[in-house]
Every structure is written in C-alpha cells, then in structure tokens.
Amino acid sequence: MCAVPGQTVVEDRLAWSISYTCVDRGAQIECCEWDEMPEEFRQVVLDRDGVVRVRVDPESGRTLRVPILRVLRRYGATLEEAADTFTHLTGAGITGAAAEMRLLAARLDTINAAVQLDLCG
C-alpha cells in the first residue's frame, strides 16, 4: 500500500489528507482531517515539499507584540508558548510545512504584521 499525505489551508484552518493506493488491486482510500497532522505523515510532507520559514519584521513586531501574542493565544498557544513563538518570529523565524506557515502568515496578516515567507534550503 502506498500513502501520499498532503496539507492545505481552507479558510482559517489547516486541512490534511492521506491518499492510500493498493498497488496490487488498484483500490484507493482518501482520509481527510483538520488541524494538526500526525507527525509521521507531516515529516513525509516536509521531506517531499521542503521547509518554509515565516518571520515577522522585528520593527513591526515590536509595536505589534500584544496583538501577535493575542493571535497565537487564540489558536491554542499557552502564554509561555506564545512568548517563545514571538521571540522566534521576530528573530530567526519559525519553520514548518508550507501550508502551516501560510496559515500562520495569514493569521498574522489580519493584524497587519509585516510577514515574510521563505523556502529553506
């Protein structure tokens, strides 16, 4: 059996799917879910599609610190996680799969943060 995972952004959520194909019988199965993808399939997506980095301009990040923290908290980060993520966003950046980083960038765009997306490596 061959499994092909994928991720995309639908409105304000991460959607992911896994397409299974039985090579011997030609049967196909599609599994679709929302939000966080299981790590073993996420790693396949990262290996196949590459890693994307999202950064917030440190200058705009400084003036938008509270709104950025609010956005991060709204989507489940603890206070400590939000503060740590803010530090990374305004520094070296946060890395992940393309769809994950596009979703984070879109959420930060709602508060007019100056966001930069880059393909790593």
PDB file of N, CA and C in Angstrom:
ATOM      1  N   MET A   1       0.848  -1.171   0.000  1.00  0.00           N
ATOM      2  CA  MET A   1       0.000   0.000   0.000  1.00  0.00           C
ATOM      3  C   MET A   1       0.897   1.239   0.000  1.00  0.00           C
ATOM      4  N   CYS A   2       0.534   2.209  -0.788  1.00  0.00           N
ATOM      5  CA  CYS A   2       1.276   3.460  -0.907  1.00  0.00           C
ATOM      6  C   CYS A   2       0.438   4.582  -0.305  1.00  0.00           C
ATOM      7  N   ALA A   3       1.033   5.402   0.572  1.00  0.00           N
ATOM      8  CA  ALA A   3       0.330   6.518   1.210  1.00  0.00           C
ATOM      9  C   ALA A   3       0.969   7.833   0.777  1.00  0.00           C
ATOM     10  N   VAL A   4       0.131   8.786   0.351  1.00  0.00           N
ATOM     11  CA  VAL A   4       0.612  10.101  -0.062  1.00  0.00           C
ATOM     12  C   VAL A   4      -0.118  11.168   0.766  1.00  0.00           C
ATOM     13  N   PRO A   5       0.596  11.803   1.705  1.00  0.00           N
ATOM     14  CA  PRO A   5      -0.039  12.837   2.527  1.00  0.00           C
ATOM     15  C   PRO A   5       0.029  14.214   1.860  1.00  0.00           C
ATOM     16  N   GLY A   6      -0.897  15.081   2.262  1.00  0.00           N
ATOM     17  CA  GLY A   6      -0.899  16.456   1.765  1.00  0.00           C
ATOM     18  C   GLY A   6      -1.544  17.383   2.776  1.00  0.00           C
ATOM     19  N   GLN A   7      -1.224  18.668   2.667  1.00  0.00           N
ATOM     20  CA  GLN A   7      -1.795  19.694   3.539  1.00  0.00           C
ATOM     21  C   GLN A   7      -2.217  20.881   2.696  1.00  0.00           C
ATOM     22  N   THR A   8      -3.248  21.578   3.170  1.00  0.00           N
ATOM     23  CA  THR A   8      -3.664  22.821   2.536  1.00  0.00           C
ATOM     24  C   THR A   8      -4.362  23.683   3.581  1.00  0.00           C
ATOM     25  N   VAL A   9      -4.597  24.937   3.249  1.00  0.00           N
ATOM     26  CA  VAL A   9      -5.328  25.842   4.123  1.00  0.00           C
ATOM     27  C   VAL A   9      -6.724  26.009   3.541  1.00  0.00           C
ATOM     28  N   VAL A  10      -7.738  25.804   4.386  1.00  0.00           N
ATOM     29  CA  VAL A  10      -9.129  26.011   3.998  1.00  0.00           C
ATOM     30  C   VAL A  10      -9.707  27.025   4.970  1.00  0.00           C
ATOM     31  N   GLU A  11     -10.036  28.191   4.428  1.00  0.00           N
ATOM     32  CA  GLU A  11     -10.472  29.324   5.234  1.00  0.00           C
ATOM     33  C   GLU A  11      -9.424  29.597   6.307  1.00  0.00           C
ATOM     34  N   ASP A  12      -9.715  29.359   7.568  1.00  0.00           N
ATOM     35  CA  ASP A  12      -8.758  29.663   8.637  1.00  0.00           C
ATOM     36  C   ASP A  12      -8.331  28.399   9.375  1.00  0.00           C
ATOM     37  N   ARG A  13      -8.268  27.283   8.631  1.00  0.00           N
ATOM     38  CA  ARG A  13      -7.878  26.016   9.255  1.00  0.00           C
ATOM     39  C   ARG A  13      -6.942  25.247   8.349  1.00  0.00           C
ATOM     40  N   LEU A  14      -6.141  24.415   8.987  1.00  0.00           N
ATOM     41  CA  LEU A  14      -5.264  23.510   8.263  1.00  0.00           C
ATOM     42  C   LEU A  14      -6.055  22.235   7.972  1.00  0.00           C
ATOM     43  N   ALA A  15      -6.115  21.852   6.721  1.00  0.00           N
ATOM     44  CA  ALA A  15      -6.748  20.591   6.318  1.00  0.00           C
ATOM     45  C   ALA A  15      -5.648  19.673   5.816  1.00  0.00           C
ATOM     46  N   TRP A  16      -5.755  18.403   6.148  1.00  0.00           N
ATOM     47  CA  TRP A  16      -4.761  17.457   5.658  1.00  0.00           C
ATOM     48  C   TRP A  16      -5.455  16.195   5.189  1.00  0.00           C
ATOM     49  N   SER A  17      -4.780  15.523   4.278  1.00  0.00           N
ATOM     50  CA  SER A  17      -5.350  14.304   3.722  1.00  0.00           C
ATOM     51  C   SER A  17      -4.237  13.291   3.486  1.00  0.00           C
ATOM     52  N   ILE A  18      -4.657  12.042   3.412  1.00  0.00           N
ATOM     53  CA  ILE A  18      -3.748  10.961   3.064  1.00  0.00           C
ATOM     54  C   ILE A  18      -4.456  10.111   2.025  1.00  0.00           C
ATOM     55  N   SER A  19      -3.823   9.948   0.888  1.00  0.00           N
ATOM     56  CA  SER A  19      -4.363   9.113  -0.180  1.00  0.00           C
ATOM     57  C   SER A  19      -3.636   7.780  -0.145  1.00  0.00           C
ATOM     58  N   TYR A  20      -4.379   6.731   0.051  1.00  0.00           N
ATOM     59  CA  TYR A  20      -3.815   5.377   0.065  1.00  0.00           C
ATOM     60  C   TYR A  20      -4.170   4.686  -1.250  1.00  0.00           C
ATOM     61  N   THR A  21      -3.210   4.022  -1.830  1.00  0.00           N
ATOM     62  CA  THR A  21      -3.440   3.239  -3.037  1.00  0.00           C
ATOM     63  C   THR A  21      -2.903   1.832  -2.821  1.00  0.00           C
ATOM     64  N   CYS A  22      -3.756   0.841  -3.060  1.00  0.00           N
ATOM     65  CA  CYS A  22      -3.327  -0.547  -3.005  1.00  0.00           C
ATOM     66  C   CYS A  22      -2.788  -0.893  -4.384  1.00  0.00           C
ATOM     67  N   VAL A  23      -1.487  -1.053  -4.476  1.00  0.00           N
ATOM     68  CA  VAL A  23      -0.826  -1.290  -5.752  1.00  0.00           C
ATOM     69  C   VAL A  23      -1.337  -2.571  -6.404  1.00  0.00           C
ATOM     70  N   ASP A  24      -1.565  -3.619  -5.612  1.00  0.00           N
ATOM     71  CA  ASP A  24      -1.991  -4.906  -6.159  1.00  0.00           C
ATOM     72  C   ASP A  24      -3.402  -4.872  -6.738  1.00  0.00           C
ATOM     73  N   ARG A  25      -4.298  -4.151  -6.089  1.00  0.00           N
ATOM     74  CA  ARG A  25      -5.702  -4.166  -6.510  1.00  0.00           C
ATOM     75  C   ARG A  25      -6.168  -2.865  -7.143  1.00  0.00           C
ATOM     76  N   GLY A  26      -5.380  -1.827  -7.047  1.00  0.00           N
ATOM     77  CA  GLY A  26      -5.755  -0.540  -7.626  1.00  0.00           C
ATOM     78  C   GLY A  26      -6.803   0.221  -6.831  1.00  0.00           C
ATOM     79  N   ALA A  27      -7.144  -0.262  -5.649  1.00  0.00           N
ATOM     80  CA  ALA A  27      -8.134   0.412  -4.809  1.00  0.00           C
ATOM     81  C   ALA A  27      -7.529   1.672  -4.196  1.00  0.00           C
ATOM     82  N   GLN A  28      -8.381   2.684  -4.002  1.00  0.00           N
ATOM     83  CA  GLN A  28      -7.917   3.932  -3.401  1.00  0.00           C
ATOM     84  C   GLN A  28      -8.793   4.296  -2.217  1.00  0.00           C
ATOM     85  N   ILE A  29      -8.150   4.854  -1.190  1.00  0.00           N
ATOM     86  CA  ILE A  29      -8.849   5.326   0.003  1.00  0.00           C
ATOM     87  C   ILE A  29      -8.334   6.734   0.287  1.00  0.00           C
ATOM     88  N   GLU A  30      -9.250   7.644   0.589  1.00  0.00           N
ATOM     89  CA  GLU A  30      -8.887   9.015   0.969  1.00  0.00           C
ATOM     90  C   GLU A  30      -9.297   9.258   2.408  1.00  0.00           C
ATOM     91  N   CYS A  31      -8.385   9.753   3.218  1.00  0.00           N
ATOM     92  CA  CYS A  31      -8.668  10.143   4.595  1.00  0.00           C
ATOM     93  C   CYS A  31      -8.396  11.637   4.721  1.00  0.00           C
ATOM     94  N   CYS A  32      -9.353  12.371   5.248  1.00  0.00           N
ATOM     95  CA  CYS A  32      -9.198  13.820   5.398  1.00  0.00           C
ATOM     96  C   CYS A  32      -9.500  14.214   6.841  1.00  0.00           C
ATOM     97  N   GLU A  33      -8.705  15.141   7.361  1.00  0.00           N
ATOM     98  CA  GLU A  33      -8.893  15.624   8.732  1.00  0.00           C
ATOM     99  C   GLU A  33      -8.548  17.112   8.795  1.00  0.00           C
ATOM    100  N   TRP A  34      -8.752  17.678   9.977  1.00  0.00           N
ATOM    101  CA  TRP A  34      -8.469  19.089  10.223  1.00  0.00           C
ATOM    102  C   TRP A  34      -7.357  19.237  11.266  1.00  0.00           C
ATOM    103  N   ASP A  35      -6.701  20.383  11.202  1.00  0.00           N
ATOM    104  CA  ASP A  35      -5.730  20.832  12.188  1.00  0.00           C
ATOM    105  C   ASP A  35      -4.436  20.017  12.144  1.00  0.00           C
ATOM    106  N   GLU A  36      -3.921  19.605  13.255  1.00  0.00           N
ATOM    107  CA  GLU A  36      -2.575  19.029  13.304  1.00  0.00           C
ATOM    108  C   GLU A  36      -2.496  17.648  12.644  1.00  0.00           C
ATOM    109  N   MET A  37      -1.537  17.516  11.739  1.00  0.00           N
ATOM    110  CA  MET A  37      -1.304  16.252  11.032  1.00  0.00           C
ATOM    111  C   MET A  37      -0.423  15.351  11.896  1.00  0.00           C
ATOM    112  N   PRO A  38      -0.671  14.025  11.897  1.00  0.00           N
ATOM    113  CA  PRO A  38       0.224  13.124  12.622  1.00  0.00           C
ATOM    114  C   PRO A  38       1.676  13.301  12.167  1.00  0.00           C
ATOM    115  N   GLU A  39       2.591  13.273  13.122  1.00  0.00           N
ATOM    116  CA  GLU A  39       3.990  13.616  12.864  1.00  0.00           C
ATOM    117  C   GLU A  39       4.633  12.775  11.761  1.00  0.00           C
ATOM    118  N   GLU A  40       4.339  11.475  11.703  1.00  0.00           N
ATOM    119  CA  GLU A  40       4.988  10.640  10.682  1.00  0.00           C
ATOM    120  C   GLU A  40       4.596  11.063   9.265  1.00  0.00           C
ATOM    121  N   PHE A  41       3.353  11.517   9.085  1.00  0.00           N
ATOM    122  CA  PHE A  41       2.927  11.987   7.760  1.00  0.00           C
ATOM    123  C   PHE A  41       3.418  13.414   7.506  1.00  0.00           C
ATOM    124  N   ARG A  42       3.447  14.231   8.566  1.00  0.00           N
ATOM    125  CA  ARG A  42       3.971  15.595   8.439  1.00  0.00           C
ATOM    126  C   ARG A  42       5.421  15.564   7.972  1.00  0.00           C
ATOM    127  N   GLN A  43       6.196  14.635   8.530  1.00  0.00           N
ATOM    128  CA  GLN A  43       7.603  14.525   8.140  1.00  0.00           C
ATOM    129  C   GLN A  43       7.744  14.165   6.662  1.00  0.00           C
ATOM    130  N   VAL A  44       6.849  13.335   6.154  1.00  0.00           N
ATOM    131  CA  VAL A  44       6.858  12.995   4.724  1.00  0.00           C
ATOM    132  C   VAL A  44       6.612  14.247   3.887  1.00  0.00           C
ATOM    133  N   VAL A  45       5.658  15.076   4.310  1.00  0.00           N
ATOM    134  CA  VAL A  45       5.361  16.332   3.601  1.00  0.00           C
ATOM    135  C   VAL A  45       6.585  17.246   3.621  1.00  0.00           C
ATOM    136  N   LEU A  46       7.223  17.378   4.785  1.00  0.00           N
ATOM    137  CA  LEU A  46       8.415  18.230   4.891  1.00  0.00           C
ATOM    138  C   LEU A  46       9.546  17.718   4.004  1.00  0.00           C
ATOM    139  N   ASP A  47       9.771  16.412   4.019  1.00  0.00           N
ATOM    140  CA  ASP A  47      10.840  15.826   3.199  1.00  0.00           C
ATOM    141  C   ASP A  47      10.554  16.009   1.705  1.00  0.00           C
ATOM    142  N   ARG A  48       9.308  15.877   1.325  1.00  0.00           N
ATOM    143  CA  ARG A  48       8.930  15.966  -0.090  1.00  0.00           C
ATOM    144  C   ARG A  48       8.877  17.416  -0.596  1.00  0.00           C
ATOM    145  N   ASP A  49       8.251  18.289   0.198  1.00  0.00           N
ATOM    146  CA  ASP A  49       7.967  19.652  -0.270  1.00  0.00           C
ATOM    147  C   ASP A  49       8.935  20.701   0.235  1.00  0.00           C
ATOM    148  N   GLY A  50       9.723  20.364   1.242  1.00  0.00           N
ATOM    149  CA  GLY A  50      10.658  21.325   1.808  1.00  0.00           C
ATOM    150  C   GLY A  50      10.090  22.051   3.013  1.00  0.00           C
ATOM    151  N   VAL A  51      10.952  22.798   3.652  1.00  0.00           N
ATOM    152  CA  VAL A  51      10.614  23.537   4.871  1.00  0.00           C
ATOM    153  C   VAL A  51      10.481  25.015   4.517  1.00  0.00           C
ATOM    154  N   VAL A  52       9.457  25.649   5.080  1.00  0.00           N
ATOM    155  CA  VAL A  52       9.213  27.076   4.861  1.00  0.00           C
ATOM    156  C   VAL A  52       9.401  27.804   6.191  1.00  0.00           C
ATOM    157  N   ARG A  53       9.999  28.986   6.114  1.00  0.00           N
ATOM    158  CA  ARG A  53      10.216  29.814   7.306  1.00  0.00           C
ATOM    159  C   ARG A  53       9.322  31.049   7.217  1.00  0.00           C
ATOM    160  N   VAL A  54       8.690  31.375   8.326  1.00  0.00           N
ATOM    161  CA  VAL A  54       7.922  32.616   8.428  1.00  0.00           C
ATOM    162  C   VAL A  54       8.597  33.492   9.475  1.00  0.00           C
ATOM    163  N   ARG A  55       8.733  34.765   9.124  1.00  0.00           N
ATOM    164  CA  ARG A  55       9.335  35.758  10.030  1.00  0.00           C
ATOM    165  C   ARG A  55       8.458  36.994  10.054  1.00  0.00           C
ATOM    166  N   VAL A  56       8.518  37.665  11.180  1.00  0.00           N
ATOM    167  CA  VAL A  56       7.876  38.969  11.307  1.00  0.00           C
ATOM    168  C   VAL A  56       8.986  39.989  11.436  1.00  0.00           C
ATOM    169  N   ASP A  57       8.883  41.052  10.669  1.00  0.00           N
ATOM    170  CA  ASP A  57       9.866  42.125  10.749  1.00  0.00           C
ATOM    171  C   ASP A  57       9.995  42.567  12.211  1.00  0.00           C
ATOM    172  N   PRO A  58      11.214  42.547  12.763  1.00  0.00           N
ATOM    173  CA  PRO A  58      11.388  42.900  14.186  1.00  0.00           C
ATOM    174  C   PRO A  58      10.829  44.271  14.543  1.00  0.00           C
ATOM    175  N   GLU A  59      10.964  45.228  13.625  1.00  0.00           N
ATOM    176  CA  GLU A  59      10.455  46.584  13.888  1.00  0.00           C
ATOM    177  C   GLU A  59       8.937  46.580  14.054  1.00  0.00           C
ATOM    178  N   SER A  60       8.224  45.972  13.108  1.00  0.00           N
ATOM    179  CA  SER A  60       6.759  45.936  13.221  1.00  0.00           C
ATOM    180  C   SER A  60       6.335  44.997  14.342  1.00  0.00           C
ATOM    181  N   GLY A  61       7.120  43.934  14.567  1.00  0.00           N
ATOM    182  CA  GLY A  61       6.804  43.005  15.639  1.00  0.00           C
ATOM    183  C   GLY A  61       6.822  43.654  17.000  1.00  0.00           C
ATOM    184  N   ARG A  62       7.756  44.571  17.186  1.00  0.00           N
ATOM    185  CA  ARG A  62       7.869  45.257  18.473  1.00  0.00           C
ATOM    186  C   ARG A  62       6.592  46.048  18.772  1.00  0.00           C
ATOM    187  N   THR A  63       6.077  46.748  17.785  1.00  0.00           N
ATOM    188  CA  THR A  63       4.870  47.557  18.007  1.00  0.00           C
ATOM    189  C   THR A  63       3.605  46.699  18.031  1.00  0.00           C
ATOM    190  N   LEU A  64       3.683  45.490  17.485  1.00  0.00           N
ATOM    191  CA  LEU A  64       2.516  44.595  17.442  1.00  0.00           C
ATOM    192  C   LEU A  64       2.636  43.420  18.409  1.00  0.00           C
ATOM    193  N   ARG A  65       3.498  43.538  19.386  1.00  0.00           N
ATOM    194  CA  ARG A  65       3.739  42.423  20.303  1.00  0.00           C
ATOM    195  C   ARG A  65       2.448  41.872  20.917  1.00  0.00           C
ATOM    196  N   VAL A  66       1.640  42.724  21.519  1.00  0.00           N
ATOM    197  CA  VAL A  66       0.416  42.260  22.176  1.00  0.00           C
ATOM    198  C   VAL A  66      -0.564  41.659  21.161  1.00  0.00           C
ATOM    199  N   PRO A  67      -0.828  42.315  20.021  1.00  0.00           N
ATOM    200  CA  PRO A  67      -1.722  41.679  19.036  1.00  0.00           C
ATOM    201  C   PRO A  67      -1.189  40.336  18.521  1.00  0.00           C
ATOM    202  N   ILE A  68       0.125  40.216  18.328  1.00  0.00           N
ATOM    203  CA  ILE A  68       0.700  38.943  17.872  1.00  0.00           C
ATOM    204  C   ILE A  68       0.495  37.873  18.938  1.00  0.00           C
ATOM    205  N   LEU A  69       0.770  38.215  20.181  1.00  0.00           N
ATOM    206  CA  LEU A  69       0.559  37.258  21.276  1.00  0.00           C
ATOM    207  C   LEU A  69      -0.910  36.850  21.355  1.00  0.00           C
ATOM    208  N   ARG A  70      -1.805  37.801  21.124  1.00  0.00           N
ATOM    209  CA  ARG A  70      -3.245  37.521  21.134  1.00  0.00           C
ATOM    210  C   ARG A  70      -3.610  36.519  20.035  1.00  0.00           C
ATOM    211  N   VAL A  71      -3.057  36.723  18.844  1.00  0.00           N
ATOM    212  CA  VAL A  71      -3.317  35.796  17.737  1.00  0.00           C
ATOM    213  C   VAL A  71      -2.825  34.399  18.102  1.00  0.00           C
ATOM    214  N   LEU A  72      -1.618  34.304  18.617  1.00  0.00           N
ATOM    215  CA  LEU A  72      -1.054  33.000  18.982  1.00  0.00           C
ATOM    216  C   LEU A  72      -1.883  32.322  20.074  1.00  0.00           C
ATOM    217  N   ARG A  73      -2.325  33.075  21.060  1.00  0.00           N
ATOM    218  CA  ARG A  73      -3.151  32.517  22.143  1.00  0.00           C
ATOM    219  C   ARG A  73      -4.511  32.059  21.620  1.00  0.00           C
ATOM    220  N   ARG A  74      -5.089  32.831  20.690  1.00  0.00           N
ATOM    221  CA  ARG A  74      -6.409  32.490  20.129  1.00  0.00           C
ATOM    222  C   ARG A  74      -6.400  31.094  19.516  1.00  0.00           C
ATOM    223  N   TYR A  75      -5.256  30.691  18.979  1.00  0.00           N
ATOM    224  CA  TYR A  75      -5.178  29.398  18.308  1.00  0.00           C
ATOM    225  C   TYR A  75      -4.490  28.325  19.158  1.00  0.00           C
ATOM    226  N   GLY A  76      -4.509  28.505  20.490  1.00  0.00           N
ATOM    227  CA  GLY A  76      -4.145  27.424  21.375  1.00  0.00           C
ATOM    228  C   GLY A  76      -2.806  27.491  22.084  1.00  0.00           C
ATOM    229  N   ALA A  77      -1.984  28.483  21.804  1.00  0.00           N
ATOM    230  CA  ALA A  77      -0.685  28.567  22.485  1.00  0.00           C
ATOM    231  C   ALA A  77      -0.877  28.995  23.938  1.00  0.00           C
ATOM    232  N   THR A  78      -0.082  28.403  24.828  1.00  0.00           N
ATOM    233  CA  THR A  78      -0.063  28.873  26.212  1.00  0.00           C
ATOM    234  C   THR A  78       0.657  30.224  26.231  1.00  0.00           C
ATOM    235  N   LEU A  79       0.628  30.909  27.360  1.00  0.00           N
ATOM    236  CA  LEU A  79       1.351  32.177  27.475  1.00  0.00           C
ATOM    237  C   LEU A  79       2.835  31.984  27.191  1.00  0.00           C
ATOM    238  N   GLU A  80       3.402  30.933  27.761  1.00  0.00           N
ATOM    239  CA  GLU A  80       4.827  30.652  27.568  1.00  0.00           C
ATOM    240  C   GLU A  80       5.129  30.325  26.103  1.00  0.00           C
ATOM    241  N   GLU A  81       4.293  29.490  25.487  1.00  0.00           N
ATOM    242  CA  GLU A  81       4.492  29.139  24.070  1.00  0.00           C
ATOM    243  C   GLU A  81       4.354  30.364  23.176  1.00  0.00           C
ATOM    244  N   ALA A  82       3.363  31.216  23.464  1.00  0.00           N
ATOM    245  CA  ALA A  82       3.164  32.420  22.660  1.00  0.00           C
ATOM    246  C   ALA A  82       4.369  33.356  22.759  1.00  0.00           C
ATOM    247  N   ALA A  83       4.888  33.549  23.971  1.00  0.00           N
ATOM    248  CA  ALA A  83       6.059  34.413  24.160  1.00  0.00           C
ATOM    249  C   ALA A  83       7.277  33.840  23.441  1.00  0.00           C
ATOM    250  N   ASP A  84       7.474  32.521  23.531  1.00  0.00           N
ATOM    251  CA  ASP A  84       8.594  31.865  22.860  1.00  0.00           C
ATOM    252  C   ASP A  84       8.449  31.977  21.336  1.00  0.00           C
ATOM    253  N   THR A  85       7.233  31.758  20.844  1.00  0.00           N
ATOM    254  CA  THR A  85       6.981  31.860  19.403  1.00  0.00           C
ATOM    255  C   THR A  85       7.218  33.285  18.922  1.00  0.00           C
ATOM    256  N   PHE A  86       6.777  34.277  19.697  1.00  0.00           N
ATOM    257  CA  PHE A  86       7.003  35.677  19.329  1.00  0.00           C
ATOM    258  C   PHE A  86       8.501  35.959  19.192  1.00  0.00           C
ATOM    259  N   THR A  87       9.287  35.477  20.148  1.00  0.00           N
ATOM    260  CA  THR A  87      10.739  35.677  20.111  1.00  0.00           C
ATOM    261  C   THR A  87      11.333  35.081  18.837  1.00  0.00           C
ATOM    262  N   HIS A  88      10.906  33.877  18.496  1.00  0.00           N
ATOM    263  CA  HIS A  88      11.410  33.233  17.278  1.00  0.00           C
ATOM    264  C   HIS A  88      10.913  33.936  16.011  1.00  0.00           C
ATOM    265  N   LEU A  89       9.629  34.332  16.004  1.00  0.00           N
ATOM    266  CA  LEU A  89       9.071  35.008  14.822  1.00  0.00           C
ATOM    267  C   LEU A  89       9.825  36.289  14.494  1.00  0.00           C
ATOM    268  N   THR A  90      10.201  37.032  15.503  1.00  0.00           N
ATOM    269  CA  THR A  90      10.876  38.310  15.277  1.00  0.00           C
ATOM    270  C   THR A  90      12.393  38.145  15.245  1.00  0.00           C
ATOM    271  N   GLY A  91      12.854  36.903  15.343  1.00  0.00           N
ATOM    272  CA  GLY A  91      14.279  36.599  15.255  1.00  0.00           C
ATOM    273  C   GLY A  91      14.554  35.785  14.004  1.00  0.00           C
ATOM    274  N   ALA A  92      15.002  34.548  14.213  1.00  0.00           N
ATOM    275  CA  ALA A  92      15.365  33.666  13.096  1.00  0.00           C
ATOM    276  C   ALA A  92      14.152  33.155  12.334  1.00  0.00           C
ATOM    277  N   GLY A  93      12.968  33.203  12.942  1.00  0.00           N
ATOM    278  CA  GLY A  93      11.757  32.740  12.290  1.00  0.00           C
ATOM    279  C   GLY A  93      11.295  31.392  12.814  1.00  0.00           C
ATOM    280  N   ILE A  94      10.128  30.973  12.356  1.00  0.00           N
ATOM    281  CA  ILE A  94       9.520  29.689  12.699  1.00  0.00           C
ATOM    282  C   ILE A  94       9.487  28.876  11.416  1.00  0.00           C
ATOM    283  N   THR A  95       9.802  27.596  11.492  1.00  0.00           N
ATOM    284  CA  THR A  95       9.787  26.760  10.296  1.00  0.00           C
ATOM    285  C   THR A  95       8.732  25.671  10.405  1.00  0.00           C
ATOM    286  N   GLY A  96       8.282  25.221   9.243  1.00  0.00           N
ATOM    287  CA  GLY A  96       7.305  24.148   9.178  1.00  0.00           C
ATOM    288  C   GLY A  96       6.933  23.862   7.746  1.00  0.00           C
ATOM    289  N   ALA A  97       5.875  23.106   7.577  1.00  0.00           N
ATOM    290  CA  ALA A  97       5.377  22.787   6.237  1.00  0.00           C
ATOM    291  C   ALA A  97       4.766  24.044   5.610  1.00  0.00           C
ATOM    292  N   ALA A  98       4.753  24.102   4.302  1.00  0.00           N
ATOM    293  CA  ALA A  98       4.282  25.290   3.581  1.00  0.00           C
ATOM    294  C   ALA A  98       2.878  25.704   4.000  1.00  0.00           C
ATOM    295  N   ALA A  99       1.939  24.764   4.061  1.00  0.00           N
ATOM    296  CA  ALA A  99       0.563  25.114   4.424  1.00  0.00           C
ATOM    297  C   ALA A  99       0.486  25.646   5.850  1.00  0.00           C
ATOM    298  N   GLU A 100       1.236  25.048   6.762  1.00  0.00           N
ATOM    299  CA  GLU A 100       1.253  25.507   8.156  1.00  0.00           C
ATOM    300  C   GLU A 100       1.750  26.947   8.250  1.00  0.00           C
ATOM    301  N   MET A 101       2.799  27.237   7.514  1.00  0.00           N
ATOM    302  CA  MET A 101       3.388  28.573   7.567  1.00  0.00           C
ATOM    303  C   MET A 101       2.518  29.599   6.832  1.00  0.00           C
ATOM    304  N   ARG A 102       1.852  29.194   5.750  1.00  0.00           N
ATOM    305  CA  ARG A 102       0.911  30.094   5.069  1.00  0.00           C
ATOM    306  C   ARG A 102      -0.249  30.446   5.998  1.00  0.00           C
ATOM    307  N   LEU A 103      -0.721  29.467   6.764  1.00  0.00           N
ATOM    308  CA  LEU A 103      -1.814  29.709   7.708  1.00  0.00           C
ATOM    309  C   LEU A 103      -1.372  30.680   8.797  1.00  0.00           C
ATOM    310  N   LEU A 104      -0.196  30.463   9.371  1.00  0.00           N
ATOM    311  CA  LEU A 104       0.316  31.378  10.389  1.00  0.00           C
ATOM    312  C   LEU A 104       0.496  32.776   9.808  1.00  0.00           C
ATOM    313  N   ALA A 105       1.046  32.868   8.605  1.00  0.00           N
ATOM    314  CA  ALA A 105       1.243  34.172   7.959  1.00  0.00           C
ATOM    315  C   ALA A 105      -0.099  34.869   7.723  1.00  0.00           C
ATOM    316  N   ALA A 106      -1.102  34.125   7.301  1.00  0.00           N
ATOM    317  CA  ALA A 106      -2.427  34.717   7.062  1.00  0.00           C
ATOM    318  C   ALA A 106      -3.038  35.234   8.355  1.00  0.00           C
ATOM    319  N   ARG A 107      -2.862  34.492   9.429  1.00  0.00           N
ATOM    320  CA  ARG A 107      -3.388  34.927  10.728  1.00  0.00           C
ATOM    321  C   ARG A 107      -2.679  36.192  11.201  1.00  0.00           C
ATOM    322  N   LEU A 108      -1.380  36.260  10.988  1.00  0.00           N
ATOM    323  CA  LEU A 108      -0.626  37.455  11.383  1.00  0.00           C
ATOM    324  C   LEU A 108      -0.935  38.632  10.471  1.00  0.00           C
ATOM    325  N   ASP A 109      -1.277  38.345   9.237  1.00  0.00           N
ATOM    326  CA  ASP A 109      -1.636  39.400   8.284  1.00  0.00           C
ATOM    327  C   ASP A 109      -2.908  40.129   8.726  1.00  0.00           C
ATOM    328  N   THR A 110      -3.785  39.448   9.465  1.00  0.00           N
ATOM    329  CA  THR A 110      -5.028  40.085   9.923  1.00  0.00           C
ATOM    330  C   THR A 110      -4.766  41.243  10.875  1.00  0.00           C
ATOM    331  N   ILE A 111      -3.570  41.277  11.482  1.00  0.00           N
ATOM    332  CA  ILE A 111      -3.217  42.384  12.378  1.00  0.00           C
ATOM    333  C   ILE A 111      -2.156  43.280  11.741  1.00  0.00           C
ATOM    334  N   ASN A 112      -1.977  43.106  10.435  1.00  0.00           N
ATOM    335  CA  ASN A 112      -1.052  43.935   9.645  1.00  0.00           C
ATOM    336  C   ASN A 112       0.413  43.775  10.042  1.00  0.00           C
ATOM    337  N   ALA A 113       0.787  42.576  10.484  1.00  0.00           N
ATOM    338  CA  ALA A 113       2.192  42.310  10.752  1.00  0.00           C
ATOM    339  C   ALA A 113       2.932  42.168   9.420  1.00  0.00           C
ATOM    340  N   ALA A 114       4.143  42.691   9.350  1.00  0.00           N
ATOM    341  CA  ALA A 114       4.971  42.565   8.149  1.00  0.00           C
ATOM    342  C   ALA A 114       5.605  41.178   8.146  1.00  0.00           C
ATOM    343  N   VAL A 115       4.993  40.249   7.404  1.00  0.00           N
ATOM    344  CA  VAL A 115       5.379  38.844   7.418  1.00  0.00           C
ATOM    345  C   VAL A 115       6.164  38.501   6.160  1.00  0.00           C
ATOM    346  N   GLN A 116       7.192  37.662   6.322  1.00  0.00           N
ATOM    347  CA  GLN A 116       7.999  37.188   5.203  1.00  0.00           C
ATOM    348  C   GLN A 116       8.017  35.672   5.234  1.00  0.00           C
ATOM    349  N   LEU A 117       7.720  35.043   4.084  1.00  0.00           N
ATOM    350  CA  LEU A 117       7.787  33.592   3.937  1.00  0.00           C
ATOM    351  C   LEU A 117       8.953  33.254   3.021  1.00  0.00           C
ATOM    352  N   ASP A 118       9.764  32.269   3.422  1.00  0.00           N
ATOM    353  CA  ASP A 118      10.917  31.834   2.618  1.00  0.00           C
ATOM    354  C   ASP A 118      10.977  30.320   2.590  1.00  0.00           C
ATOM    355  N   LEU A 119      11.316  29.772   1.424  1.00  0.00           N
ATOM    356  CA  LEU A 119      11.603  28.337   1.329  1.00  0.00           C
ATOM    357  C   LEU A 119      13.027  28.136   1.816  1.00  0.00           C
ATOM    358  N   CYS A 120      13.213  27.232   2.774  1.00  0.00           N
ATOM    359  CA  CYS A 120      14.544  26.966   3.317  1.00  0.00           C
ATOM    360  C   CYS A 120      15.262  25.924   2.481  1.00  0.00           C
ATOM    361  N   GLY A 121      16.561  26.103   2.374  1.00  0.00           N
ATOM    362  CA  GLY A 121      17.400  25.113   1.696  1.00  0.00           C
ATOM    363  C   GLY A 121      17.064  24.991   0.298  1.00  0.00           C
TER     364      GLY A 121
END
